[in-house]
Amino acid sequence: MDILVDSCAGIDIYQKIMVACVLKTPSKGTRPKKFIKSFASTTSGLLQMHDWLKSHHCTVVSMESTGVYWKPVWHILQDDFELILANPRMIKNVPGRKTDMKDAEWIAKLTRVGLVPPSFVPPEPIQDLRDLTRHRKHLTEDLTKEKNRAHKVLQHAGIKLTTYIRDIYGASGRNLLDSIVNGKS
C-alpha cells in the first residue's frame, strides 16, 4: 500500500488514560519508527500529548473513542493537527491479544495508508447547540415525569381533577391545586 502520511499518530482514548502511537518515516522506502506513550486524560496530560505529537512533527492524528471522551482531546489538538475521529467498529483490529498499545499502533498504521474513515464532527457552535438541545430535552422529560407522579398521587388520594379540567398544570388547575394545598374548598 502507498504511504500517504510520513508522520502520523493513532490515539486510543479511555476515561483515565490515552495511549498514543506515532509512526514516522525517516526516508522513502524505509520502515517507520514507532514511538508509543501513555498520557493521563487530564488537561495537563492532554497538553503533554499535544507537545509530544508536535515534537514528532505529526500532521495527521486519528483517534478512537466511545462516548464523549474524545471531545477534550479534539479541542486541544484541533488547531495544530488534521484530526480524524474514527468509529471503533470501522477500524476494528484482528481478534487476539489486544492491548491499548497495539490498538494505538493499529490506528496509526491505518492512518498512515489512509484507511481510517472519518466520523462527522460538526463545528463547535453546532456541537454546543446539540448539547443544549439534548439538555433541554432531558429537562422536559424530567418535568413530565414529575407532573405524572403528582397526578398519580392525586388519583390515589381520590382527587379527580382531570374529570373536570383538561390540564391540571394550567392556570386554573394550579389555582385549584393551590386551594387544595391551603385547605380551601
N, C-alpha and C. Protein backbone atom coordinates (compact mmCIF):
# COMPACT_ATOMS: atom_id res chain seq x y z
N MET A 1 0.83 -1.18 0.00
CA MET A 1 0.00 0.00 0.00
C MET A 1 0.88 1.25 0.00
N ASP A 2 0.37 2.29 -0.61
CA ASP A 2 1.10 3.55 -0.66
C ASP A 2 1.04 4.26 0.68
N ILE A 3 2.14 4.83 1.08
CA ILE A 3 2.21 5.61 2.32
C ILE A 3 1.73 7.01 1.98
N LEU A 4 0.66 7.45 2.63
CA LEU A 4 0.11 8.76 2.35
C LEU A 4 0.58 9.82 3.34
N VAL A 5 0.96 9.39 4.55
CA VAL A 5 1.36 10.34 5.60
C VAL A 5 2.70 9.90 6.17
N ASP A 6 3.69 10.80 6.15
CA ASP A 6 5.03 10.45 6.64
C ASP A 6 5.11 10.39 8.16
N SER A 7 4.39 11.27 8.83
CA SER A 7 4.41 11.27 10.30
C SER A 7 2.99 11.44 10.80
N CYS A 8 2.45 10.36 11.36
CA CYS A 8 1.07 10.38 11.82
C CYS A 8 0.99 9.72 13.19
N ALA A 9 -0.18 9.86 13.81
CA ALA A 9 -0.38 9.28 15.14
C ALA A 9 -1.75 8.63 15.22
N GLY A 10 -1.82 7.60 16.05
CA GLY A 10 -3.07 6.96 16.40
C GLY A 10 -3.23 7.05 17.90
N ILE A 11 -4.41 7.44 18.36
CA ILE A 11 -4.66 7.58 19.79
C ILE A 11 -5.85 6.71 20.17
N ASP A 12 -5.65 5.89 21.20
CA ASP A 12 -6.73 5.11 21.77
C ASP A 12 -7.11 5.79 23.07
N ILE A 13 -8.35 6.26 23.16
CA ILE A 13 -8.77 7.11 24.28
C ILE A 13 -9.68 6.34 25.23
N TYR A 14 -9.37 6.47 26.50
CA TYR A 14 -10.19 5.88 27.57
C TYR A 14 -10.51 6.98 28.57
N GLN A 15 -11.28 6.64 29.58
CA GLN A 15 -11.69 7.65 30.55
C GLN A 15 -10.49 8.24 31.31
N LYS A 16 -9.56 7.39 31.75
CA LYS A 16 -8.45 7.87 32.57
C LYS A 16 -7.15 8.08 31.81
N ILE A 17 -6.93 7.31 30.75
CA ILE A 17 -5.67 7.43 30.02
C ILE A 17 -5.91 7.47 28.51
N MET A 18 -4.85 7.91 27.83
CA MET A 18 -4.83 7.88 26.37
C MET A 18 -3.49 7.26 25.98
N VAL A 19 -3.51 6.39 25.01
CA VAL A 19 -2.28 5.79 24.50
C VAL A 19 -2.09 6.29 23.08
N ALA A 20 -0.94 6.92 22.83
CA ALA A 20 -0.66 7.47 21.51
C ALA A 20 0.51 6.74 20.89
N CYS A 21 0.41 6.49 19.60
CA CYS A 21 1.49 5.85 18.85
C CYS A 21 1.79 6.72 17.63
N VAL A 22 3.04 7.12 17.51
CA VAL A 22 3.48 7.90 16.35
C VAL A 22 4.26 6.98 15.43
N LEU A 23 3.92 7.00 14.16
CA LEU A 23 4.69 6.31 13.13
C LEU A 23 5.33 7.38 12.25
N LYS A 24 6.64 7.33 12.17
CA LYS A 24 7.39 8.36 11.48
C LYS A 24 8.32 7.70 10.47
N THR A 25 8.19 8.07 9.20
CA THR A 25 9.04 7.51 8.15
C THR A 25 10.24 8.43 7.96
N PRO A 26 11.46 7.95 8.30
CA PRO A 26 12.64 8.81 8.17
C PRO A 26 12.96 9.17 6.72
N SER A 27 12.85 8.21 5.80
CA SER A 27 13.09 8.48 4.38
C SER A 27 12.29 7.48 3.55
N LYS A 28 12.13 7.78 2.28
CA LYS A 28 11.33 6.92 1.40
C LYS A 28 11.90 5.50 1.37
N GLY A 29 11.00 4.53 1.44
CA GLY A 29 11.38 3.14 1.33
C GLY A 29 11.90 2.51 2.62
N THR A 30 11.94 3.27 3.71
CA THR A 30 12.41 2.70 4.98
C THR A 30 11.22 2.40 5.87
N ARG A 31 11.44 1.53 6.82
CA ARG A 31 10.39 1.18 7.78
C ARG A 31 10.15 2.35 8.71
N PRO A 32 8.93 2.53 9.14
CA PRO A 32 8.67 3.66 10.03
C PRO A 32 9.21 3.41 11.44
N LYS A 33 9.59 4.50 12.09
CA LYS A 33 9.97 4.41 13.50
C LYS A 33 8.70 4.55 14.31
N LYS A 34 8.63 3.79 15.37
CA LYS A 34 7.42 3.76 16.20
C LYS A 34 7.74 4.33 17.57
N PHE A 35 6.90 5.25 18.02
CA PHE A 35 7.03 5.84 19.35
C PHE A 35 5.68 5.70 20.04
N ILE A 36 5.66 5.10 21.22
CA ILE A 36 4.40 4.89 21.96
C ILE A 36 4.54 5.50 23.34
N LYS A 37 3.48 6.20 23.76
CA LYS A 37 3.49 6.82 25.08
C LYS A 37 2.06 6.93 25.60
N SER A 38 1.91 6.77 26.91
CA SER A 38 0.60 6.93 27.56
C SER A 38 0.54 8.28 28.25
N PHE A 39 -0.65 8.84 28.28
CA PHE A 39 -0.88 10.13 28.91
C PHE A 39 -2.13 10.07 29.77
N ALA A 40 -2.16 10.86 30.82
CA ALA A 40 -3.37 10.99 31.62
C ALA A 40 -4.39 11.79 30.83
N SER A 41 -5.65 11.58 31.09
CA SER A 41 -6.67 12.31 30.34
C SER A 41 -7.02 13.65 30.99
N THR A 42 -6.17 14.12 31.89
CA THR A 42 -6.35 15.44 32.49
C THR A 42 -5.89 16.51 31.50
N THR A 43 -6.17 17.75 31.81
CA THR A 43 -5.75 18.84 30.92
C THR A 43 -4.24 18.87 30.77
N SER A 44 -3.52 18.68 31.87
CA SER A 44 -2.05 18.69 31.76
C SER A 44 -1.56 17.51 30.91
N GLY A 45 -2.21 16.35 31.03
CA GLY A 45 -1.86 15.20 30.20
C GLY A 45 -2.14 15.46 28.73
N LEU A 46 -3.26 16.12 28.45
CA LEU A 46 -3.59 16.46 27.06
C LEU A 46 -2.57 17.43 26.47
N LEU A 47 -2.15 18.41 27.27
CA LEU A 47 -1.15 19.37 26.79
C LEU A 47 0.20 18.70 26.57
N GLN A 48 0.55 17.75 27.45
CA GLN A 48 1.79 17.00 27.27
C GLN A 48 1.74 16.19 25.96
N MET A 49 0.59 15.57 25.71
CA MET A 49 0.44 14.79 24.48
C MET A 49 0.53 15.71 23.26
N HIS A 50 -0.09 16.86 23.33
CA HIS A 50 -0.02 17.83 22.23
C HIS A 50 1.44 18.17 21.92
N ASP A 51 2.20 18.50 22.95
CA ASP A 51 3.61 18.85 22.76
C ASP A 51 4.42 17.67 22.23
N TRP A 52 4.11 16.47 22.72
CA TRP A 52 4.80 15.26 22.27
C TRP A 52 4.55 15.00 20.78
N LEU A 53 3.28 15.16 20.37
CA LEU A 53 2.94 14.97 18.95
C LEU A 53 3.61 16.04 18.09
N LYS A 54 3.65 17.27 18.58
CA LYS A 54 4.32 18.36 17.85
C LYS A 54 5.81 18.07 17.70
N SER A 55 6.43 17.53 18.75
CA SER A 55 7.87 17.25 18.70
C SER A 55 8.20 16.17 17.67
N HIS A 56 7.22 15.32 17.35
CA HIS A 56 7.42 14.28 16.33
C HIS A 56 6.95 14.74 14.95
N HIS A 57 6.55 15.99 14.83
CA HIS A 57 6.13 16.60 13.56
C HIS A 57 4.96 15.85 12.92
N CYS A 58 4.02 15.42 13.75
CA CYS A 58 2.82 14.75 13.22
C CYS A 58 1.98 15.74 12.44
N THR A 59 1.39 15.26 11.38
CA THR A 59 0.48 16.10 10.59
C THR A 59 -0.96 15.62 10.72
N VAL A 60 -1.13 14.31 10.81
CA VAL A 60 -2.47 13.72 10.91
C VAL A 60 -2.55 12.89 12.18
N VAL A 61 -3.64 13.09 12.93
CA VAL A 61 -3.86 12.34 14.16
C VAL A 61 -5.24 11.70 14.08
N SER A 62 -5.29 10.38 14.20
CA SER A 62 -6.56 9.67 14.24
C SER A 62 -6.79 9.19 15.66
N MET A 63 -8.03 9.21 16.06
CA MET A 63 -8.35 8.76 17.41
C MET A 63 -9.59 7.88 17.39
N GLU A 64 -9.61 6.97 18.35
CA GLU A 64 -10.75 6.06 18.50
C GLU A 64 -11.26 6.25 19.92
N SER A 65 -12.55 6.43 20.03
CA SER A 65 -13.14 6.60 21.35
C SER A 65 -14.63 6.33 21.29
N THR A 66 -15.16 5.87 22.39
CA THR A 66 -16.60 5.75 22.52
C THR A 66 -17.05 6.81 23.52
N GLY A 67 -18.30 7.15 23.49
CA GLY A 67 -18.81 8.15 24.42
C GLY A 67 -18.29 9.54 24.09
N VAL A 68 -18.02 10.31 25.14
CA VAL A 68 -17.60 11.70 24.97
C VAL A 68 -16.14 11.93 25.33
N TYR A 69 -15.39 10.87 25.55
CA TYR A 69 -14.00 11.02 25.98
C TYR A 69 -13.12 11.68 24.92
N TRP A 70 -13.52 11.66 23.67
CA TRP A 70 -12.73 12.24 22.59
C TRP A 70 -12.81 13.76 22.56
N LYS A 71 -13.86 14.34 23.13
CA LYS A 71 -14.09 15.78 22.99
C LYS A 71 -12.96 16.65 23.55
N PRO A 72 -12.46 16.41 24.77
CA PRO A 72 -11.36 17.26 25.25
C PRO A 72 -10.10 17.11 24.40
N VAL A 73 -9.85 15.89 23.93
CA VAL A 73 -8.67 15.65 23.07
C VAL A 73 -8.82 16.46 21.79
N TRP A 74 -10.00 16.41 21.20
CA TRP A 74 -10.27 17.13 19.96
C TRP A 74 -10.03 18.62 20.14
N HIS A 75 -10.57 19.17 21.24
CA HIS A 75 -10.45 20.62 21.47
C HIS A 75 -9.01 21.06 21.65
N ILE A 76 -8.18 20.23 22.27
CA ILE A 76 -6.78 20.60 22.49
C ILE A 76 -5.98 20.49 21.18
N LEU A 77 -6.28 19.49 20.36
CA LEU A 77 -5.47 19.21 19.17
C LEU A 77 -5.96 19.88 17.88
N GLN A 78 -7.18 20.36 17.85
CA GLN A 78 -7.80 20.77 16.59
C GLN A 78 -7.09 21.91 15.86
N ASP A 79 -6.39 22.76 16.55
CA ASP A 79 -5.75 23.89 15.87
C ASP A 79 -4.44 23.54 15.18
N ASP A 80 -3.80 22.45 15.60
CA ASP A 80 -2.45 22.16 15.11
C ASP A 80 -2.32 20.89 14.28
N PHE A 81 -3.37 20.09 14.22
CA PHE A 81 -3.28 18.81 13.50
C PHE A 81 -4.53 18.59 12.66
N GLU A 82 -4.38 17.79 11.61
CA GLU A 82 -5.55 17.30 10.90
C GLU A 82 -6.06 16.12 11.72
N LEU A 83 -7.29 16.23 12.20
CA LEU A 83 -7.84 15.21 13.11
C LEU A 83 -8.86 14.34 12.41
N ILE A 84 -8.83 13.06 12.77
CA ILE A 84 -9.82 12.11 12.28
C ILE A 84 -10.37 11.36 13.49
N LEU A 85 -11.68 11.43 13.68
CA LEU A 85 -12.35 10.67 14.72
C LEU A 85 -12.92 9.43 14.06
N ALA A 86 -12.52 8.26 14.56
CA ALA A 86 -12.94 7.00 13.96
C ALA A 86 -13.93 6.27 14.85
N ASN A 87 -14.91 5.68 14.22
CA ASN A 87 -15.83 4.81 14.93
C ASN A 87 -15.10 3.50 15.20
N PRO A 88 -15.06 3.01 16.44
CA PRO A 88 -14.33 1.78 16.75
C PRO A 88 -14.73 0.58 15.88
N ARG A 89 -15.99 0.51 15.49
CA ARG A 89 -16.42 -0.62 14.65
C ARG A 89 -15.77 -0.60 13.28
N MET A 90 -15.45 0.60 12.79
CA MET A 90 -14.93 0.73 11.43
C MET A 90 -13.43 0.41 11.33
N ILE A 91 -12.73 0.44 12.46
CA ILE A 91 -11.29 0.18 12.41
C ILE A 91 -10.91 -0.96 13.35
N LYS A 92 -11.84 -1.85 13.54
CA LYS A 92 -11.63 -2.96 14.46
C LYS A 92 -10.39 -3.77 14.08
N ASN A 93 -9.58 -4.07 15.09
CA ASN A 93 -8.37 -4.85 14.88
C ASN A 93 -8.71 -6.33 14.82
N VAL A 94 -7.78 -7.10 14.32
CA VAL A 94 -7.95 -8.54 14.25
C VAL A 94 -8.02 -9.09 15.67
N PRO A 95 -8.95 -9.99 15.98
CA PRO A 95 -9.04 -10.53 17.34
C PRO A 95 -7.74 -11.23 17.75
N GLY A 96 -7.49 -11.23 19.00
CA GLY A 96 -6.27 -11.86 19.52
C GLY A 96 -5.83 -11.13 20.75
N ARG A 97 -4.54 -11.06 20.93
CA ARG A 97 -4.02 -10.34 22.09
C ARG A 97 -4.17 -8.84 21.87
N LYS A 98 -5.13 -8.29 22.55
CA LYS A 98 -5.48 -6.89 22.34
C LYS A 98 -4.98 -6.07 23.52
N THR A 99 -4.21 -5.04 23.23
CA THR A 99 -3.75 -4.13 24.28
C THR A 99 -3.97 -2.71 23.79
N ASP A 100 -3.91 -1.76 24.72
CA ASP A 100 -4.07 -0.36 24.36
C ASP A 100 -2.98 0.08 23.38
N MET A 101 -1.76 -0.40 23.61
CA MET A 101 -0.64 -0.01 22.75
C MET A 101 -0.81 -0.57 21.34
N LYS A 102 -1.26 -1.80 21.24
CA LYS A 102 -1.48 -2.40 19.92
C LYS A 102 -2.62 -1.69 19.18
N ASP A 103 -3.65 -1.30 19.94
CA ASP A 103 -4.75 -0.56 19.32
C ASP A 103 -4.28 0.78 18.78
N ALA A 104 -3.50 1.51 19.56
CA ALA A 104 -2.98 2.80 19.11
C ALA A 104 -2.09 2.62 17.88
N GLU A 105 -1.27 1.59 17.89
CA GLU A 105 -0.39 1.32 16.74
C GLU A 105 -1.22 0.96 15.50
N TRP A 106 -2.27 0.16 15.68
CA TRP A 106 -3.14 -0.22 14.57
C TRP A 106 -3.80 1.01 13.96
N ILE A 107 -4.27 1.92 14.80
CA ILE A 107 -4.90 3.15 14.32
C ILE A 107 -3.88 3.97 13.53
N ALA A 108 -2.64 4.05 14.04
CA ALA A 108 -1.59 4.81 13.35
C ALA A 108 -1.28 4.17 12.00
N LYS A 109 -1.21 2.83 11.96
CA LYS A 109 -0.93 2.14 10.68
C LYS A 109 -2.01 2.42 9.65
N LEU A 110 -3.27 2.37 10.09
CA LEU A 110 -4.38 2.65 9.17
C LEU A 110 -4.35 4.10 8.71
N THR A 111 -3.99 5.00 9.60
CA THR A 111 -3.91 6.42 9.26
C THR A 111 -2.82 6.65 8.22
N ARG A 112 -1.71 5.98 8.39
CA ARG A 112 -0.55 6.13 7.51
C ARG A 112 -0.88 5.83 6.05
N VAL A 113 -1.79 4.87 5.84
CA VAL A 113 -2.15 4.48 4.47
C VAL A 113 -3.54 5.00 4.07
N GLY A 114 -4.13 5.86 4.90
CA GLY A 114 -5.40 6.50 4.56
C GLY A 114 -6.62 5.62 4.65
N LEU A 115 -6.62 4.66 5.58
CA LEU A 115 -7.75 3.74 5.71
C LEU A 115 -8.64 4.00 6.92
N VAL A 116 -8.55 5.17 7.52
CA VAL A 116 -9.41 5.48 8.66
C VAL A 116 -10.58 6.32 8.16
N PRO A 117 -11.78 5.73 8.12
CA PRO A 117 -12.94 6.51 7.68
C PRO A 117 -13.34 7.50 8.77
N PRO A 118 -13.36 8.80 8.45
CA PRO A 118 -13.66 9.80 9.49
C PRO A 118 -15.15 9.85 9.82
N SER A 119 -15.43 10.03 11.10
CA SER A 119 -16.79 10.30 11.54
C SER A 119 -17.04 11.79 11.37
N PHE A 120 -18.30 12.15 11.21
CA PHE A 120 -18.64 13.57 11.07
C PHE A 120 -18.53 14.24 12.43
N VAL A 121 -17.76 15.30 12.51
CA VAL A 121 -17.66 16.11 13.71
C VAL A 121 -18.09 17.52 13.33
N PRO A 122 -19.25 17.96 13.83
CA PRO A 122 -19.74 19.29 13.44
C PRO A 122 -18.87 20.40 14.05
N PRO A 123 -18.97 21.60 13.51
CA PRO A 123 -18.24 22.73 14.08
C PRO A 123 -18.67 22.97 15.54
N GLU A 124 -17.81 23.65 16.28
CA GLU A 124 -18.05 23.84 17.71
C GLU A 124 -19.39 24.50 18.05
N PRO A 125 -19.84 25.54 17.32
CA PRO A 125 -21.15 26.12 17.66
C PRO A 125 -22.29 25.10 17.51
N ILE A 126 -22.19 24.23 16.51
CA ILE A 126 -23.22 23.21 16.32
C ILE A 126 -23.15 22.18 17.44
N GLN A 127 -21.94 21.81 17.86
CA GLN A 127 -21.79 20.89 18.99
C GLN A 127 -22.44 21.48 20.25
N ASP A 128 -22.20 22.75 20.49
CA ASP A 128 -22.78 23.42 21.67
C ASP A 128 -24.30 23.44 21.58
N LEU A 129 -24.81 23.73 20.38
CA LEU A 129 -26.26 23.75 20.18
C LEU A 129 -26.87 22.37 20.41
N ARG A 130 -26.19 21.33 19.91
CA ARG A 130 -26.67 19.95 20.13
C ARG A 130 -26.71 19.62 21.63
N ASP A 131 -25.64 19.99 22.36
CA ASP A 131 -25.60 19.72 23.80
C ASP A 131 -26.74 20.44 24.51
N LEU A 132 -26.97 21.70 24.14
CA LEU A 132 -28.03 22.48 24.76
C LEU A 132 -29.40 21.88 24.46
N THR A 133 -29.60 21.46 23.22
CA THR A 133 -30.88 20.86 22.83
C THR A 133 -31.12 19.54 23.58
N ARG A 134 -30.07 18.73 23.69
CA ARG A 134 -30.21 17.46 24.43
C ARG A 134 -30.53 17.72 25.90
N HIS A 135 -29.86 18.72 26.48
CA HIS A 135 -30.10 19.05 27.89
C HIS A 135 -31.54 19.53 28.09
N ARG A 136 -32.02 20.36 27.17
CA ARG A 136 -33.40 20.84 27.26
C ARG A 136 -34.39 19.67 27.16
N LYS A 137 -34.11 18.73 26.26
CA LYS A 137 -34.97 17.56 26.11
C LYS A 137 -35.04 16.77 27.42
N HIS A 138 -33.88 16.58 28.07
CA HIS A 138 -33.86 15.83 29.33
C HIS A 138 -34.63 16.58 30.43
N LEU A 139 -34.49 17.90 30.48
CA LEU A 139 -35.24 18.67 31.47
C LEU A 139 -36.74 18.57 31.23
N THR A 140 -37.15 18.62 29.97
CA THR A 140 -38.57 18.50 29.64
C THR A 140 -39.10 17.12 30.03
N GLU A 141 -38.31 16.08 29.77
CA GLU A 141 -38.72 14.73 30.16
C GLU A 141 -38.83 14.61 31.67
N ASP A 142 -37.89 15.20 32.41
CA ASP A 142 -37.93 15.17 33.87
C ASP A 142 -39.17 15.89 34.40
N LEU A 143 -39.50 17.03 33.80
CA LEU A 143 -40.68 17.78 34.22
C LEU A 143 -41.94 16.95 34.00
N THR A 144 -42.04 16.30 32.85
CA THR A 144 -43.20 15.46 32.55
C THR A 144 -43.32 14.31 33.54
N LYS A 145 -42.20 13.69 33.90
CA LYS A 145 -42.22 12.59 34.89
C LYS A 145 -42.74 13.08 36.23
N GLU A 146 -42.29 14.27 36.65
CA GLU A 146 -42.73 14.81 37.95
C GLU A 146 -44.21 15.17 37.92
N LYS A 147 -44.68 15.71 36.81
CA LYS A 147 -46.11 16.02 36.69
C LYS A 147 -46.95 14.75 36.75
N ASN A 148 -46.49 13.72 36.06
CA ASN A 148 -47.22 12.44 36.09
C ASN A 148 -47.21 11.83 37.48
N ARG A 149 -46.10 11.96 38.18
CA ARG A 149 -46.01 11.44 39.55
C ARG A 149 -47.00 12.18 40.46
N ALA A 150 -47.07 13.51 40.35
CA ALA A 150 -48.01 14.29 41.16
C ALA A 150 -49.46 13.94 40.81
N HIS A 151 -49.73 13.75 39.51
CA HIS A 151 -51.08 13.37 39.08
C HIS A 151 -51.47 12.02 39.67
N LYS A 152 -50.52 11.09 39.71
CA LYS A 152 -50.78 9.76 40.27
C LYS A 152 -51.10 9.86 41.77
N VAL A 153 -50.39 10.72 42.50
CA VAL A 153 -50.65 10.92 43.93
C VAL A 153 -52.07 11.46 44.13
N LEU A 154 -52.46 12.42 43.28
CA LEU A 154 -53.82 12.97 43.38
C LEU A 154 -54.86 11.89 43.10
N GLN A 155 -54.63 11.06 42.09
CA GLN A 155 -55.57 9.98 41.77
C GLN A 155 -55.71 9.00 42.94
N HIS A 156 -54.57 8.64 43.55
CA HIS A 156 -54.61 7.71 44.69
C HIS A 156 -55.32 8.33 45.89
N ALA A 157 -55.26 9.64 46.00
CA ALA A 157 -55.92 10.32 47.13
C ALA A 157 -57.40 10.55 46.83
N GLY A 158 -57.85 10.17 45.65
CA GLY A 158 -59.26 10.32 45.30
C GLY A 158 -59.59 11.70 44.78
N ILE A 159 -58.61 12.50 44.45
CA ILE A 159 -58.85 13.84 43.91
C ILE A 159 -58.80 13.73 42.39
N LYS A 160 -59.95 13.77 41.76
CA LYS A 160 -60.08 13.52 40.32
C LYS A 160 -60.24 14.83 39.56
N LEU A 161 -59.23 15.69 39.62
CA LEU A 161 -59.32 16.98 38.94
C LEU A 161 -59.44 16.85 37.44
N THR A 162 -58.82 15.85 36.84
CA THR A 162 -58.85 15.72 35.38
C THR A 162 -60.24 15.35 34.86
N THR A 163 -61.14 15.01 35.75
CA THR A 163 -62.52 14.77 35.35
C THR A 163 -63.18 16.09 34.97
N TYR A 164 -62.74 17.19 35.60
CA TYR A 164 -63.38 18.48 35.41
C TYR A 164 -62.57 19.47 34.55
N ILE A 165 -61.25 19.33 34.58
CA ILE A 165 -60.42 20.22 33.75
C ILE A 165 -59.42 19.39 32.95
N ARG A 166 -59.06 19.89 31.81
CA ARG A 166 -58.18 19.15 30.91
C ARG A 166 -56.73 19.13 31.40
N ASP A 167 -56.21 20.29 31.81
CA ASP A 167 -54.80 20.38 32.19
C ASP A 167 -54.71 20.86 33.63
N ILE A 168 -54.31 19.97 34.53
CA ILE A 168 -54.22 20.37 35.94
C ILE A 168 -53.00 21.25 36.21
N TYR A 169 -52.17 21.45 35.21
CA TYR A 169 -51.00 22.31 35.38
C TYR A 169 -51.14 23.63 34.63
N GLY A 170 -52.34 23.87 34.08
CA GLY A 170 -52.63 25.18 33.50
C GLY A 170 -52.94 26.15 34.64
N ALA A 171 -53.34 27.37 34.31
CA ALA A 171 -53.60 28.39 35.33
C ALA A 171 -54.73 27.96 36.27
N SER A 172 -55.85 27.48 35.71
CA SER A 172 -56.98 27.06 36.55
C SER A 172 -56.61 25.86 37.40
N GLY A 173 -55.91 24.90 36.82
CA GLY A 173 -55.52 23.70 37.54
C GLY A 173 -54.58 24.02 38.69
N ARG A 174 -53.63 24.91 38.45
CA ARG A 174 -52.70 25.29 39.52
C ARG A 174 -53.43 26.04 40.63
N ASN A 175 -54.42 26.87 40.25
CA ASN A 175 -55.20 27.57 41.28
C ASN A 175 -55.98 26.57 42.14
N LEU A 176 -56.56 25.55 41.48
CA LEU A 176 -57.28 24.52 42.23
C LEU A 176 -56.33 23.74 43.15
N LEU A 177 -55.18 23.38 42.65
CA LEU A 177 -54.18 22.66 43.46
C LEU A 177 -53.73 23.51 44.64
N ASP A 178 -53.52 24.82 44.38
CA ASP A 178 -53.12 25.72 45.46
C ASP A 178 -54.22 25.80 46.52
N SER A 179 -55.49 25.84 46.10
CA SER A 179 -56.62 25.88 47.05
C SER A 179 -56.67 24.60 47.87
N ILE A 180 -56.44 23.46 47.24
CA ILE A 180 -56.45 22.17 47.94
C ILE A 180 -55.31 22.12 48.97
N VAL A 181 -54.14 22.54 48.56
CA VAL A 181 -52.98 22.53 49.46
C VAL A 181 -53.21 23.44 50.65
N ASN A 182 -53.86 24.61 50.42
CA ASN A 182 -54.09 25.57 51.51
C ASN A 182 -55.38 25.32 52.27
N GLY A 183 -56.08 24.20 51.98
CA GLY A 183 -57.27 23.80 52.73
C GLY A 183 -58.53 24.56 52.39
N LYS A 184 -58.56 25.24 51.26
CA LYS A 184 -59.76 25.98 50.85
C LYS A 184 -60.68 25.02 50.11
N SER A 185 -61.98 25.28 50.20
CA SER A 185 -62.93 24.41 49.49
C SER A 185 -63.45 25.09 48.26
